Amino acid sequence: MIDSHTLLTSTILTRPEELDQLVEYLSTQPLFGVDTESNSLFAYREQVCLVQFSTPEADILVDPLALADLSPLSRLFANPAQEKVFHAAEYDLLCLKRDFGFEFANLFDTMVAASVLGREALGLATLLQQEFGVTLDKQNQRADWGLRPLPPRQLDYARLDTHYLLPLRQRLRDELEQRGLLPLAQEDFQRLCAIEWGSHNPEDDNPAAVCWRIHGSTLLEPQQAAVLLELCRYRERAAHMVNRPLFKIIGDSTLLSIAQECPRSHEALRQVAGMTPFQVKRHGSGLLEAVQRGRRAEPIYPPRSTRPSDAYLRRLEALKTWRKEAAAQMGVKSDVVLPRNLLYALAEKNPQDRDCLAEALQDVPWRLEHFGSQILKILKVKHGN
């Protein structure tokens, strides 16, 4: 079995046998820290480029770009007898599930724990400064993690992102226990484990959906909107060809300006706010062709959304008001009292008795016990139907 000294002194694990040895070592640990680094700012489709682990003895880096198979890690992540400690776990979990199909059990999220405790600043750097007087250098946070070889400064940054997670977890867990809030935090940890990449709809990323998410798009004339859609389609193809994020091809505000002005020549395109000489040179012809396609296309209109009923809106407002007041009494943010998705689900389902409410809140038993009667009172007495 590989020892912690060997793991600690390894720059980055890149071979299958090293991964197997890491899994054997981590299997002996009751808990370990985890983090990931992705290349979302540098690729058309992001991917996990680094996975970091920390134990009380070692900080270990794993290179998914060099390893064809990370499945040996799956039994660690899914093992309910081992606690996995993250900070701001949601994004990491989604990426790990998307890229490798991992499942998770027994998780502790230091950001969620700090939120439940009513901390105002939830960033890892701030928490470490407050708890341990440690200052993290975050200048590599937005670095390109797809680079190989990774420079030493990025490797050091990655190690430090998990190095203090276990002592931070202990501090926060102790405080949660002392204040009787650990069960509340744990039900949010469990909800995180259940988050699914499959719930993300790929259709939300198609050019038509992206078009209407651009700020100001719904104010365009219908023919201008058709032009914007063609511009989005062009940008999508261009980003895919060079494996770059959409915003690094052309920004949303620039696309909107092109759709508003509908330039007919390279000279007119140069005058559009936000266009750079490089963009005109590289994409000018493609953009002008997209403008012409949009001018010839059928006008398009923003998708219509069904207006919720007045009764639903009254229930939602009453629940929001109660949640804000309860959060103020607890000294926490509103989402700690009742997560947003549950707030909207309750307003929609309008449970009228304890059994129906228990079904709606089956994943959050602490909240059902502590807030159930108040929620029922709001829904039944004030805003039943």
Protein backbone atom coordinates (compact mmCIF):
# COMPACT_ATOMS: atom_id res chain seq x y z
CA MET A 1 0.00 0.00 0.00
CA ILE A 2 1.23 3.49 -0.80
CA ASP A 3 2.05 5.50 2.32
CA SER A 4 0.94 9.05 3.03
CA HIS A 5 4.49 10.39 2.64
CA THR A 6 4.66 9.09 -0.94
CA LEU A 7 1.27 10.54 -1.70
CA LEU A 8 2.17 13.87 -0.17
CA THR A 9 5.41 14.17 -2.10
CA SER A 10 3.86 13.15 -5.42
CA THR A 11 3.30 16.19 -7.64
CA ILE A 12 0.10 14.81 -9.14
CA LEU A 13 -1.22 11.26 -9.58
CA THR A 14 -1.48 10.31 -13.26
CA ARG A 15 -1.22 6.49 -13.42
CA PRO A 16 -3.92 3.87 -12.77
CA GLU A 17 -1.78 2.06 -10.20
CA GLU A 18 -1.35 5.32 -8.28
CA LEU A 19 -5.09 5.83 -8.28
CA ASP A 20 -5.65 2.30 -6.94
CA GLN A 21 -3.14 2.95 -4.17
CA LEU A 22 -4.86 6.22 -3.33
CA VAL A 23 -8.23 4.48 -3.06
CA GLU A 24 -6.69 1.86 -0.78
CA TYR A 25 -5.24 4.60 1.41
CA LEU A 26 -8.43 6.71 1.52
CA SER A 27 -10.48 3.62 2.38
CA THR A 28 -8.77 3.66 5.78
CA GLN A 29 -9.90 7.23 6.51
CA PRO A 30 -13.18 7.99 8.34
CA LEU A 31 -13.38 11.34 6.53
CA PHE A 32 -11.44 13.28 3.91
CA GLY A 33 -11.63 16.63 2.15
CA VAL A 34 -12.51 16.89 -1.53
CA ASP A 35 -12.44 19.66 -4.14
CA THR A 36 -12.33 19.89 -7.92
CA GLU A 37 -11.01 22.33 -10.50
CA SER A 38 -12.64 22.71 -13.92
CA ASN A 39 -11.85 24.70 -17.07
CA SER A 40 -15.21 26.45 -17.48
CA LEU A 41 -13.56 29.76 -18.42
CA PHE A 42 -11.42 28.18 -21.14
CA ALA A 43 -13.48 25.50 -22.94
CA TYR A 44 -16.69 25.20 -24.93
CA ARG A 45 -17.74 22.28 -22.73
CA GLU A 46 -16.08 22.36 -19.34
CA GLN A 47 -14.69 19.26 -17.68
CA VAL A 48 -13.16 18.35 -14.35
CA CYS A 49 -9.41 18.84 -14.74
CA LEU A 50 -8.23 18.12 -11.19
CA VAL A 51 -9.57 16.36 -8.11
CA GLN A 52 -8.01 17.16 -4.73
CA PHE A 53 -8.14 15.09 -1.56
CA SER A 54 -6.93 15.90 1.95
CA THR A 55 -6.56 13.75 5.05
CA PRO A 56 -4.96 14.73 8.36
CA GLU A 57 -1.68 13.40 6.92
CA ALA A 58 -1.61 14.31 3.24
CA ASP A 59 -2.88 16.49 0.39
CA ILE A 60 -3.24 14.47 -2.81
CA LEU A 61 -3.96 15.64 -6.37
CA VAL A 62 -5.47 13.41 -9.06
CA ASP A 63 -5.29 14.23 -12.78
CA PRO A 64 -8.50 13.14 -14.59
CA LEU A 65 -7.05 14.25 -17.93
CA ALA A 66 -4.29 11.65 -17.64
CA LEU A 67 -6.46 8.86 -16.23
CA ALA A 68 -8.94 7.16 -18.54
CA ASP A 69 -10.94 5.67 -15.67
CA LEU A 70 -11.74 7.26 -12.31
CA SER A 71 -14.32 4.61 -11.36
CA PRO A 72 -12.18 3.27 -8.47
CA LEU A 73 -13.16 6.45 -6.61
CA SER A 74 -16.85 5.64 -6.85
CA ARG A 75 -16.94 3.33 -3.84
CA LEU A 76 -15.37 6.02 -1.67
CA PHE A 77 -17.85 8.71 -2.67
CA ALA A 78 -20.84 6.38 -2.25
CA ASN A 79 -19.68 4.89 1.07
CA PRO A 80 -22.04 6.05 3.85
CA ALA A 81 -19.45 5.13 6.48
CA GLN A 82 -17.00 7.77 5.23
CA GLU A 83 -17.64 11.48 5.39
CA LYS A 84 -16.68 13.60 2.39
CA VAL A 85 -15.94 17.22 3.31
CA PHE A 86 -16.43 19.91 0.65
CA HIS A 87 -16.74 23.66 0.60
CA ALA A 88 -19.62 24.85 -1.63
CA ALA A 89 -20.23 21.29 -2.77
CA GLU A 90 -23.05 21.78 -5.27
CA TYR A 91 -20.93 22.72 -8.27
CA ASP A 92 -18.32 20.04 -7.52
CA LEU A 93 -21.00 17.37 -7.15
CA LEU A 94 -22.71 18.33 -10.39
CA CYS A 95 -19.41 18.25 -12.27
CA LEU A 96 -18.34 14.91 -10.78
CA LYS A 97 -21.73 13.35 -11.54
CA ARG A 98 -21.78 14.77 -15.07
CA ASP A 99 -18.26 13.67 -16.00
CA PHE A 100 -17.95 10.38 -14.10
CA GLY A 101 -21.42 9.31 -12.94
CA PHE A 102 -20.43 9.25 -9.26
CA GLU A 103 -23.01 8.96 -6.48
CA PHE A 104 -22.50 10.46 -3.04
CA ALA A 105 -23.41 9.62 0.54
CA ASN A 106 -22.40 11.17 3.87
CA LEU A 107 -21.28 14.68 2.99
CA PHE A 108 -20.32 17.72 5.05
CA ASP A 109 -20.33 21.12 3.33
CA THR A 110 -18.45 23.78 5.27
CA MET A 111 -20.19 26.60 3.38
CA VAL A 112 -23.64 25.22 4.18
CA ALA A 113 -22.60 24.70 7.80
CA ALA A 114 -21.40 28.31 8.05
CA SER A 115 -24.68 29.50 6.53
CA VAL A 116 -26.75 27.51 9.03
CA LEU A 117 -24.66 29.12 11.78
CA GLY A 118 -25.58 32.57 10.47
CA ARG A 119 -22.15 33.55 9.15
CA GLU A 120 -22.34 36.57 6.87
CA ALA A 121 -19.30 35.80 4.70
CA LEU A 122 -19.27 32.23 3.41
CA GLY A 123 -16.18 32.11 1.18
CA LEU A 124 -13.50 29.60 2.13
CA ALA A 125 -10.78 32.26 2.32
CA THR A 126 -12.84 34.35 4.73
CA LEU A 127 -13.74 31.41 6.95
CA LEU A 128 -10.12 30.27 7.17
CA GLN A 129 -9.00 33.78 8.03
CA GLN A 130 -11.65 34.02 10.75
CA GLU A 131 -11.06 30.57 12.24
CA PHE A 132 -7.32 30.05 11.85
CA GLY A 133 -5.80 33.36 10.77
CA VAL A 134 -4.82 31.71 7.47
CA THR A 135 -4.65 33.83 4.32
CA LEU A 136 -5.31 32.05 1.03
CA ASP A 137 -3.96 33.46 -2.22
CA LYS A 138 -6.96 33.23 -4.59
CA GLN A 139 -5.23 34.63 -7.68
CA ASN A 140 -5.27 31.21 -9.36
CA GLN A 141 -9.00 30.71 -8.81
CA ARG A 142 -9.76 31.60 -12.42
CA ALA A 143 -6.70 29.91 -13.91
CA ASP A 144 -6.79 27.46 -16.82
CA TRP A 145 -6.88 24.05 -15.14
CA GLY A 146 -6.72 22.29 -18.49
CA LEU A 147 -3.06 23.29 -18.91
CA ARG A 148 -0.49 20.53 -18.77
CA PRO A 149 1.86 20.49 -17.06
CA LEU A 150 0.17 22.54 -14.35
CA PRO A 151 2.54 25.19 -12.98
CA PRO A 152 3.68 24.77 -9.35
CA ARG A 153 1.70 27.82 -8.20
CA GLN A 154 -1.56 26.22 -9.37
CA LEU A 155 -0.70 22.90 -7.74
CA ASP A 156 0.00 24.71 -4.47
CA TYR A 157 -3.29 26.60 -4.75
CA ALA A 158 -5.18 23.37 -5.38
CA ARG A 159 -3.65 21.67 -2.33
CA LEU A 160 -4.55 24.57 -0.05
CA ASP A 161 -8.18 24.44 -1.20
CA THR A 162 -8.61 21.16 0.72
CA HIS A 163 -5.75 21.31 3.24
CA TYR A 164 -7.77 23.10 5.94
CA LEU A 165 -11.19 21.55 5.25
CA LEU A 166 -11.01 18.93 7.99
CA PRO A 167 -10.09 21.28 10.86
CA LEU A 168 -12.65 23.79 9.57
CA ARG A 169 -15.28 21.06 9.47
CA GLN A 170 -14.51 20.16 13.11
CA ARG A 171 -14.87 23.77 14.27
CA LEU A 172 -18.17 24.22 12.46
CA ARG A 173 -19.57 20.84 13.47
CA ASP A 174 -18.80 21.51 17.14
CA GLU A 175 -20.66 24.83 16.95
CA LEU A 176 -23.61 23.23 15.15
CA GLU A 177 -23.87 20.60 17.90
CA GLN A 178 -23.61 23.18 20.66
CA ARG A 179 -26.44 25.22 19.15
CA GLY A 180 -28.62 22.22 18.32
CA LEU A 181 -28.44 22.94 14.60
CA LEU A 182 -26.54 19.90 13.37
CA PRO A 183 -29.72 18.02 12.29
CA LEU A 184 -30.75 21.06 10.23
CA ALA A 185 -27.36 21.19 8.50
CA GLN A 186 -27.37 17.43 7.95
CA GLU A 187 -30.65 17.46 6.06
CA ASP A 188 -29.14 20.03 3.70
CA PHE A 189 -26.04 17.86 3.32
CA GLN A 190 -28.32 14.96 2.40
CA ARG A 191 -30.21 17.10 -0.11
CA LEU A 192 -26.88 17.94 -1.75
CA CYS A 193 -26.03 14.26 -2.10
CA ALA A 194 -29.25 13.78 -4.04
CA ILE A 195 -28.64 16.60 -6.52
CA GLU A 196 -28.62 15.26 -10.08
CA TRP A 197 -26.87 16.47 -13.19
CA GLY A 198 -29.70 14.83 -15.12
CA SER A 199 -32.08 17.48 -13.77
CA HIS A 200 -30.23 19.98 -15.96
CA ASN A 201 -32.10 20.20 -19.26
CA PRO A 202 -29.70 20.26 -22.25
CA GLU A 203 -32.35 22.20 -24.13
CA ASP A 204 -31.61 25.12 -21.80
CA ASP A 205 -28.26 25.48 -23.55
CA ASN A 206 -29.50 25.57 -27.14
CA PRO A 207 -29.20 28.85 -29.07
CA ALA A 208 -32.93 29.62 -28.86
CA ALA A 209 -32.90 29.37 -25.06
CA VAL A 210 -29.63 31.29 -24.82
CA CYS A 211 -31.09 34.00 -27.06
CA TRP A 212 -33.93 34.80 -24.68
CA ARG A 213 -31.63 34.75 -21.65
CA ILE A 214 -29.62 37.66 -23.03
CA HIS A 215 -30.48 40.77 -21.06
CA GLY A 216 -32.60 43.06 -23.23
CA SER A 217 -33.58 40.42 -25.78
CA THR A 218 -37.29 40.56 -24.94
CA LEU A 219 -37.30 44.29 -25.77
CA LEU A 220 -36.15 43.71 -29.36
CA GLU A 221 -38.46 44.05 -32.33
CA PRO A 222 -39.52 40.59 -33.55
CA GLN A 223 -37.30 40.81 -36.65
CA GLN A 224 -34.35 41.92 -34.55
CA ALA A 225 -35.00 38.94 -32.27
CA ALA A 226 -34.77 36.65 -35.32
CA VAL A 227 -31.41 38.24 -36.10
CA LEU A 228 -30.25 37.69 -32.52
CA LEU A 229 -31.19 34.01 -32.76
CA GLU A 230 -29.08 33.60 -35.90
CA LEU A 231 -26.19 35.40 -34.21
CA CYS A 232 -26.45 33.01 -31.25
CA ARG A 233 -26.40 30.05 -33.62
CA TYR A 234 -23.28 31.39 -35.32
CA ARG A 235 -21.54 31.97 -31.98
CA GLU A 236 -22.42 28.46 -30.81
CA ARG A 237 -20.83 26.90 -33.92
CA ALA A 238 -17.74 29.11 -33.67
CA ALA A 239 -17.24 28.29 -29.98
CA HIS A 240 -17.59 24.58 -30.65
CA MET A 241 -15.03 24.67 -33.47
CA VAL A 242 -12.30 26.30 -31.36
CA ASN A 243 -13.33 24.78 -27.99
CA ARG A 244 -13.81 28.12 -26.28
CA PRO A 245 -16.60 29.43 -24.03
CA LEU A 246 -19.32 31.46 -25.73
CA PHE A 247 -18.36 34.68 -23.97
CA LYS A 248 -14.80 34.40 -25.28
CA ILE A 249 -16.10 34.42 -28.85
CA ILE A 250 -18.44 37.42 -28.53
CA GLY A 251 -20.20 38.75 -25.43
CA ASP A 252 -23.96 38.82 -24.99
CA SER A 253 -24.19 42.63 -24.97
CA THR A 254 -22.28 42.83 -28.25
CA LEU A 255 -24.58 40.30 -29.90
CA LEU A 256 -27.56 42.33 -28.71
CA SER A 257 -26.08 45.51 -30.20
CA ILE A 258 -25.50 43.78 -33.54
CA ALA A 259 -29.12 42.56 -33.55
CA GLN A 260 -30.35 46.09 -32.83
CA GLU A 261 -28.28 47.73 -35.55
CA CYS A 262 -28.27 44.95 -38.18
CA PRO A 263 -25.04 46.10 -39.90
CA ARG A 264 -24.66 45.28 -43.59
CA SER A 265 -20.90 45.75 -44.00
CA HIS A 266 -17.65 45.15 -42.17
CA GLU A 267 -17.28 48.91 -41.71
CA ALA A 268 -20.71 49.16 -40.09
CA LEU A 269 -19.89 46.14 -37.93
CA ARG A 270 -16.74 47.87 -36.69
CA GLN A 271 -18.92 50.68 -35.33
CA VAL A 272 -21.04 48.37 -33.18
CA ALA A 273 -20.41 48.84 -29.46
CA GLY A 274 -18.22 46.07 -28.08
CA MET A 275 -16.78 44.82 -31.38
CA THR A 276 -12.99 44.55 -31.44
CA PRO A 277 -10.78 44.62 -34.56
CA PHE A 278 -9.87 40.96 -33.91
CA GLN A 279 -13.54 39.95 -33.74
CA VAL A 280 -14.31 41.79 -36.97
CA LYS A 281 -11.38 40.07 -38.68
CA ARG A 282 -12.14 36.61 -37.29
CA HIS A 283 -15.93 36.60 -37.26
CA GLY A 284 -17.04 39.54 -39.39
CA SER A 285 -18.21 37.58 -42.43
CA GLY A 286 -19.96 34.97 -40.31
CA LEU A 287 -21.75 37.62 -38.25
CA LEU A 288 -22.88 39.58 -41.32
CA GLU A 289 -24.22 36.39 -42.90
CA ALA A 290 -26.08 35.63 -39.67
CA VAL A 291 -27.60 39.12 -39.72
CA GLN A 292 -28.84 38.57 -43.28
CA ARG A 293 -30.32 35.18 -42.39
CA GLY A 294 -32.12 36.75 -39.47
CA ARG A 295 -33.48 39.58 -41.62
CA ARG A 296 -34.92 36.99 -44.04
CA ALA A 297 -36.28 34.70 -41.32
CA GLU A 298 -39.74 34.75 -39.81
CA PRO A 299 -40.02 37.19 -36.89
CA ILE A 300 -39.88 35.53 -33.49
CA TYR A 301 -41.45 36.43 -30.16
CA PRO A 302 -40.47 35.79 -26.54
CA PRO A 303 -41.87 32.57 -25.08
CA ARG A 304 -45.03 33.16 -23.13
CA SER A 305 -45.15 32.23 -19.48
CA THR A 306 -48.40 31.32 -17.76
CA ARG A 307 -49.21 33.79 -15.03
CA PRO A 308 -49.64 32.06 -11.66
CA SER A 309 -53.00 32.33 -9.98
CA ASP A 310 -53.65 35.13 -7.52
CA ALA A 311 -54.13 32.57 -4.75
CA TYR A 312 -50.71 31.06 -5.47
CA LEU A 313 -49.08 34.48 -5.43
CA ARG A 314 -50.74 35.33 -2.11
CA ARG A 315 -49.52 32.08 -0.58
CA LEU A 316 -46.04 32.63 -1.91
CA GLU A 317 -45.88 36.17 -0.55
CA ALA A 318 -47.16 35.05 2.86
CA LEU A 319 -44.57 32.26 3.03
CA LYS A 320 -41.81 34.65 1.99
CA THR A 321 -42.81 37.13 4.69
CA TRP A 322 -42.89 34.39 7.36
CA ARG A 323 -39.56 32.98 6.16
CA LYS A 324 -37.88 36.38 6.34
CA GLU A 325 -39.17 36.95 9.88
CA ALA A 326 -38.13 33.46 11.02
CA ALA A 327 -34.68 33.93 9.50
CA ALA A 328 -34.25 37.25 11.31
CA GLN A 329 -35.15 35.59 14.62
CA MET A 330 -32.58 32.83 13.99
CA GLY A 331 -29.94 35.22 12.70
CA VAL A 332 -29.57 33.36 9.40
CA LYS A 333 -30.34 33.88 5.72
CA SER A 334 -33.87 33.07 4.53
CA ASP A 335 -32.83 29.95 2.58
CA VAL A 336 -31.67 28.33 5.82
CA VAL A 337 -35.22 28.44 7.17
CA LEU A 338 -36.76 27.09 3.97
CA PRO A 339 -34.83 26.48 0.73
CA ARG A 340 -36.20 28.28 -2.29
CA ASN A 341 -37.37 25.19 -4.15
CA LEU A 342 -39.38 24.03 -1.12
CA LEU A 343 -40.86 27.51 -0.68
CA TYR A 344 -42.24 27.48 -4.22
CA ALA A 345 -43.36 23.85 -3.93
CA LEU A 346 -45.38 24.62 -0.80
CA ALA A 347 -47.03 27.62 -2.44
CA GLU A 348 -47.94 25.39 -5.41
CA LYS A 349 -49.08 22.28 -3.52
CA ASN A 350 -50.85 24.19 -0.74
CA PRO A 351 -50.91 21.32 1.79
CA GLN A 352 -53.86 21.66 4.16
CA ASP A 353 -53.09 19.04 6.81
CA ARG A 354 -50.09 17.61 8.62
CA ASP A 355 -49.88 14.47 6.49
CA CYS A 356 -49.80 16.42 3.22
CA LEU A 357 -47.25 18.82 4.66
CA ALA A 358 -45.11 15.91 5.86
CA GLU A 359 -45.13 14.48 2.35
CA ALA A 360 -44.08 17.84 0.87
CA LEU A 361 -41.29 18.21 3.47
CA GLN A 362 -40.22 14.57 3.69
CA ASP A 363 -36.60 15.44 2.92
CA VAL A 364 -36.36 18.07 5.65
CA PRO A 365 -37.73 16.53 8.87
CA TRP A 366 -36.05 19.11 11.15
CA ARG A 367 -37.87 21.90 9.37
CA LEU A 368 -41.14 19.98 9.45
CA GLU A 369 -40.82 19.53 13.21
CA HIS A 370 -39.80 23.11 13.96
CA PHE A 371 -41.78 25.07 11.36
CA GLY A 372 -44.61 22.76 10.29
CA SER A 373 -47.33 24.26 12.49
CA GLN A 374 -46.44 27.81 11.43
CA ILE A 375 -46.49 26.88 7.75
CA LEU A 376 -49.87 25.14 8.06
CA LYS A 377 -51.31 28.13 9.86
CA ILE A 378 -50.23 30.45 7.06
CA LEU A 379 -51.58 28.20 4.32
CA LYS A 380 -54.85 27.19 6.00
CA VAL A 381 -55.98 30.30 7.79
CA LYS A 382 -54.80 33.14 5.57
CA HIS A 383 -54.34 31.76 2.11
CA GLY A 384 -56.01 28.40 1.78
CA ASN A 385 -57.38 28.66 -1.75
